[in-house]
C-alpha cells in the first residue's frame, strides 16, 4: 500500500528552465521556472506556468513572446540565482556574468552561455488559479554544436540539463540511459 502525501505538486522530474523576456523599459530579464513541459507536437508548443506577481508574467502578456534557455549542470548556481532575485531590483545578467542575446524571431532575450534555447511566440494563456499557464509556439530551437550528437540532435549526455525536485527543493543531473524509446518495451507487444 502506498502512503498518501495529500494534494501537492510532487511530480518528478520538473525542468530547470530559464524564461527570458524584456522588462518594461526594454531591459533583458530572466527567471527560473520549473512548472513547464512540452504540451503539443503540431504546432510544436511548450507550456510554462507563472504566478501573476512575477515580472516575467507581465512581460509575456505585453510582448507576446518568451524564450527558454536550458542551462547545463555547470550553471546550477546561476539558474538558482535567476529564480531568487527580482529583475526589478537587479540586472540578473550582469550579476551572474552571463550574456543576453536578442532573439531574431521573437521579442525576448536568451542566455548565450546556455547550450539549448527555445524561442516561443505566445499562443494561449490560461488562468489556472494562482498560476497562469502560457503556451508558446516554438518558432526555433537553437543548440551549441558542442551538445549535438552524430545525428544532429541534442545529446542529453553532452547537454547535461538539470531537473528540480519540488519536495526537497534540490537540483539533480540527468542519469544514465535506461533504453531506447519505442524499442525497450517491444518484447511486451
Protein backbone atom coordinates (compact mmCIF):
# COMPACT_ATOMS: atom_id res chain seq x y z
CA UNK A 1 0.00 0.00 0.00
CA UNK A 2 1.23 3.47 -0.82
CA UNK A 3 1.37 6.36 1.69
CA UNK A 4 -0.86 9.33 0.87
CA UNK A 5 1.08 12.60 0.61
CA UNK A 6 -2.02 14.73 0.07
CA UNK A 7 -2.57 17.34 -2.60
CA UNK A 8 0.82 18.73 -3.55
CA UNK A 9 2.97 19.41 -6.62
CA UNK A 10 5.16 16.36 -6.08
CA UNK A 11 5.59 15.36 -9.72
CA UNK A 12 9.05 14.27 -10.85
CA UNK A 13 11.11 15.40 -12.60
CA UNK A 14 10.39 19.05 -13.30
CA UNK A 15 12.65 21.02 -15.62
CA UNK A 16 15.04 23.81 -14.78
CA UNK A 17 14.15 26.32 -17.47
CA UNK A 18 15.27 29.91 -17.69
CA UNK A 19 12.49 32.06 -19.14
CA UNK A 20 13.69 35.15 -20.98
CA UNK A 21 11.69 38.35 -21.50
CA UNK A 22 12.21 42.09 -21.75
CA UNK A 23 11.23 44.28 -18.81
CA UNK A 24 9.02 47.38 -19.01
CA UNK A 25 11.97 49.57 -20.10
CA UNK A 26 13.34 47.06 -22.61
CA UNK A 27 15.93 45.58 -20.24
CA UNK A 28 16.67 41.85 -20.66
CA UNK A 29 15.39 39.74 -17.78
CA UNK A 30 15.28 36.05 -16.91
CA UNK A 31 13.63 33.88 -14.28
CA UNK A 32 13.83 30.21 -13.39
CA UNK A 33 10.69 28.14 -13.94
CA UNK A 34 10.10 24.52 -13.03
CA UNK A 35 6.40 24.29 -13.87
CA UNK A 36 6.71 23.55 -17.57
CA UNK A 37 6.84 20.99 -20.32
CA UNK A 38 6.05 20.10 -23.91
CA UNK A 39 2.31 20.37 -24.47
CA UNK A 40 1.76 19.89 -28.22
CA UNK A 41 3.55 18.36 -31.21
CA UNK A 42 1.76 20.14 -34.07
CA UNK A 43 2.22 23.02 -33.78
CA UNK A 44 5.23 22.37 -31.55
CA UNK A 45 4.48 24.04 -28.21
CA UNK A 46 5.72 24.28 -24.65
CA UNK A 47 3.83 25.48 -21.59
CA UNK A 48 5.12 27.33 -18.57
CA UNK A 49 3.08 28.28 -15.52
CA UNK A 50 3.85 31.54 -13.72
CA UNK A 51 2.38 33.49 -10.84
CA UNK A 52 0.80 36.83 -11.70
CA UNK A 53 3.15 38.64 -9.29
CA UNK A 54 6.21 37.73 -11.37
CA UNK A 55 7.68 40.44 -13.54
CA UNK A 56 8.02 37.89 -16.34
CA UNK A 57 4.25 37.36 -16.30
CA UNK A 58 3.53 40.97 -17.33
CA UNK A 59 6.36 40.92 -19.88
CA UNK A 60 4.95 37.85 -21.65
CA UNK A 61 1.49 39.39 -21.74
CA UNK A 62 2.87 42.64 -23.13
CA UNK A 63 5.34 41.30 -25.70
CA UNK A 64 3.55 38.05 -26.61
CA UNK A 65 6.84 36.15 -26.57
CA UNK A 66 9.38 34.39 -24.38
CA UNK A 67 12.45 32.20 -24.66
CA UNK A 68 13.53 29.19 -22.69
CA UNK A 69 17.25 28.77 -22.13
CA UNK A 70 18.20 25.36 -20.79
CA UNK A 71 21.25 25.55 -18.54
CA UNK A 72 23.74 22.74 -18.13
CA UNK A 73 24.78 21.42 -14.73
CA UNK A 74 27.76 23.80 -14.86
CA UNK A 75 25.34 26.74 -14.38
CA UNK A 76 23.34 25.49 -11.39
CA UNK A 77 24.39 28.49 -9.29
CA UNK A 78 23.23 31.00 -11.91
CA UNK A 79 19.98 29.13 -12.54
CA UNK A 80 19.21 29.14 -8.82
CA UNK A 81 20.00 32.86 -8.57
CA UNK A 82 17.68 33.65 -11.50
CA UNK A 83 14.84 32.10 -9.50
CA UNK A 84 15.57 34.02 -6.30
CA UNK A 85 16.39 37.56 -7.47
CA UNK A 86 13.91 40.07 -8.85
CA UNK A 87 14.60 41.72 -12.19
CA UNK A 88 13.03 44.87 -10.72
CA UNK A 89 15.91 45.13 -8.24
CA UNK A 90 18.90 43.68 -10.10
CA UNK A 91 20.36 43.24 -13.56
CA UNK A 92 20.47 39.47 -13.29
CA UNK A 93 22.63 39.02 -16.40
CA UNK A 94 25.34 41.35 -15.04
CA UNK A 95 25.30 39.82 -11.55
CA UNK A 96 25.56 36.29 -12.99
CA UNK A 97 28.21 37.28 -15.54
CA UNK A 98 26.13 35.96 -18.43
CA UNK A 99 25.23 37.44 -21.81
CA UNK A 100 21.73 38.35 -23.05
CA UNK A 101 21.16 37.76 -26.77
CA UNK A 102 18.23 39.31 -28.63
CA UNK A 103 16.22 36.65 -30.43
CA UNK A 104 15.87 37.28 -34.14
CA UNK A 105 12.44 35.60 -34.17
CA UNK A 106 10.62 36.74 -31.02
CA UNK A 107 10.64 39.82 -28.81
CA UNK A 108 12.65 38.24 -25.98
CA UNK A 109 16.28 37.57 -25.00
CA UNK A 110 18.02 34.28 -24.29
CA UNK A 111 21.18 33.30 -22.39
CA UNK A 112 24.18 32.95 -24.72
CA UNK A 113 26.14 30.65 -22.40
CA UNK A 114 23.35 28.07 -22.02
CA UNK A 115 23.58 25.24 -24.57
CA UNK A 116 19.95 24.96 -25.71
CA UNK A 117 17.44 27.71 -26.45
CA UNK A 118 13.75 27.56 -27.40
CA UNK A 119 12.18 30.67 -28.96
CA UNK A 120 8.42 30.96 -28.44
CA UNK A 121 5.56 33.12 -29.63
CA UNK A 122 2.70 33.31 -27.13
CA UNK A 123 -0.20 31.24 -28.42
CA UNK A 124 -2.51 30.94 -25.37
CA UNK A 125 -2.76 31.96 -21.73
CA UNK A 126 -4.93 30.00 -19.31
CA UNK A 127 -5.74 31.26 -15.82
CA UNK A 128 -5.45 28.20 -13.58
CA UNK A 129 -5.70 29.83 -10.14
CA UNK A 130 -2.54 31.13 -8.51
CA UNK A 131 -0.69 30.39 -11.77
CA UNK A 132 -1.34 31.24 -15.41
CA UNK A 133 -0.21 28.75 -17.99
CA UNK A 134 1.43 30.36 -21.01
CA UNK A 135 1.54 28.19 -24.12
CA UNK A 136 4.27 29.18 -26.52
CA UNK A 137 4.53 28.00 -30.09
CA UNK A 138 8.14 27.00 -30.74
CA UNK A 139 9.47 29.03 -33.67
CA UNK A 140 13.04 27.73 -33.39
CA UNK A 141 15.34 25.65 -31.22
CA UNK A 142 18.99 26.70 -31.15
CA UNK A 143 21.79 24.49 -29.84
CA UNK A 144 25.50 24.88 -29.27
CA UNK A 145 27.26 22.48 -31.68
CA UNK A 146 29.11 21.00 -28.66
CA UNK A 147 25.87 19.39 -27.40
CA UNK A 148 24.79 17.84 -30.71
CA UNK A 149 25.19 14.13 -31.30
CA UNK A 150 26.23 12.46 -34.52
CA UNK A 151 22.64 12.60 -35.81
CA UNK A 152 22.48 16.38 -35.29
CA UNK A 153 20.03 16.19 -32.35
CA UNK A 154 20.85 17.41 -28.84
CA UNK A 155 22.58 14.66 -26.86
CA UNK A 156 21.36 14.69 -23.26
CA UNK A 157 24.72 13.36 -22.03
CA UNK A 158 26.52 16.35 -23.57
CA UNK A 159 23.75 18.86 -22.76
CA UNK A 160 23.71 17.88 -19.06
CA UNK A 161 20.34 19.50 -18.26
CA UNK A 162 19.06 19.68 -14.70
CA UNK A 163 15.82 18.78 -13.02
CA UNK A 164 14.23 20.18 -9.89
CA UNK A 165 12.78 18.06 -7.07
CA UNK A 166 9.86 20.03 -5.56
CA UNK A 167 9.61 18.02 -2.35
CA UNK A 168 13.21 18.52 -1.29
CA UNK A 169 13.95 21.72 -3.26
CA UNK A 170 17.08 20.19 -4.79
CA UNK A 171 18.58 20.18 -8.28
CA UNK A 172 19.63 16.94 -9.94
CA UNK A 173 21.57 15.96 -13.02
CA UNK A 174 20.11 13.58 -15.56
CA UNK A 175 21.05 9.95 -15.01
CA UNK A 176 22.23 7.11 -17.18
CA UNK A 177 20.21 5.94 -20.20
CA UNK A 178 17.84 3.04 -19.50
CA UNK A 179 16.89 2.01 -23.01
CA UNK A 180 15.83 3.21 -26.43
CA UNK A 181 12.29 4.66 -26.56
CA UNK A 182 9.76 2.80 -28.71
CA UNK A 183 12.07 -0.23 -28.56
CA UNK A 184 12.81 -1.40 -25.00
CA UNK A 185 9.14 -2.34 -24.44
CA UNK A 186 8.74 -4.11 -27.76
CA UNK A 187 9.04 -7.54 -26.12
CA UNK A 188 5.71 -6.86 -24.36
CA UNK A 189 3.86 -6.15 -27.62
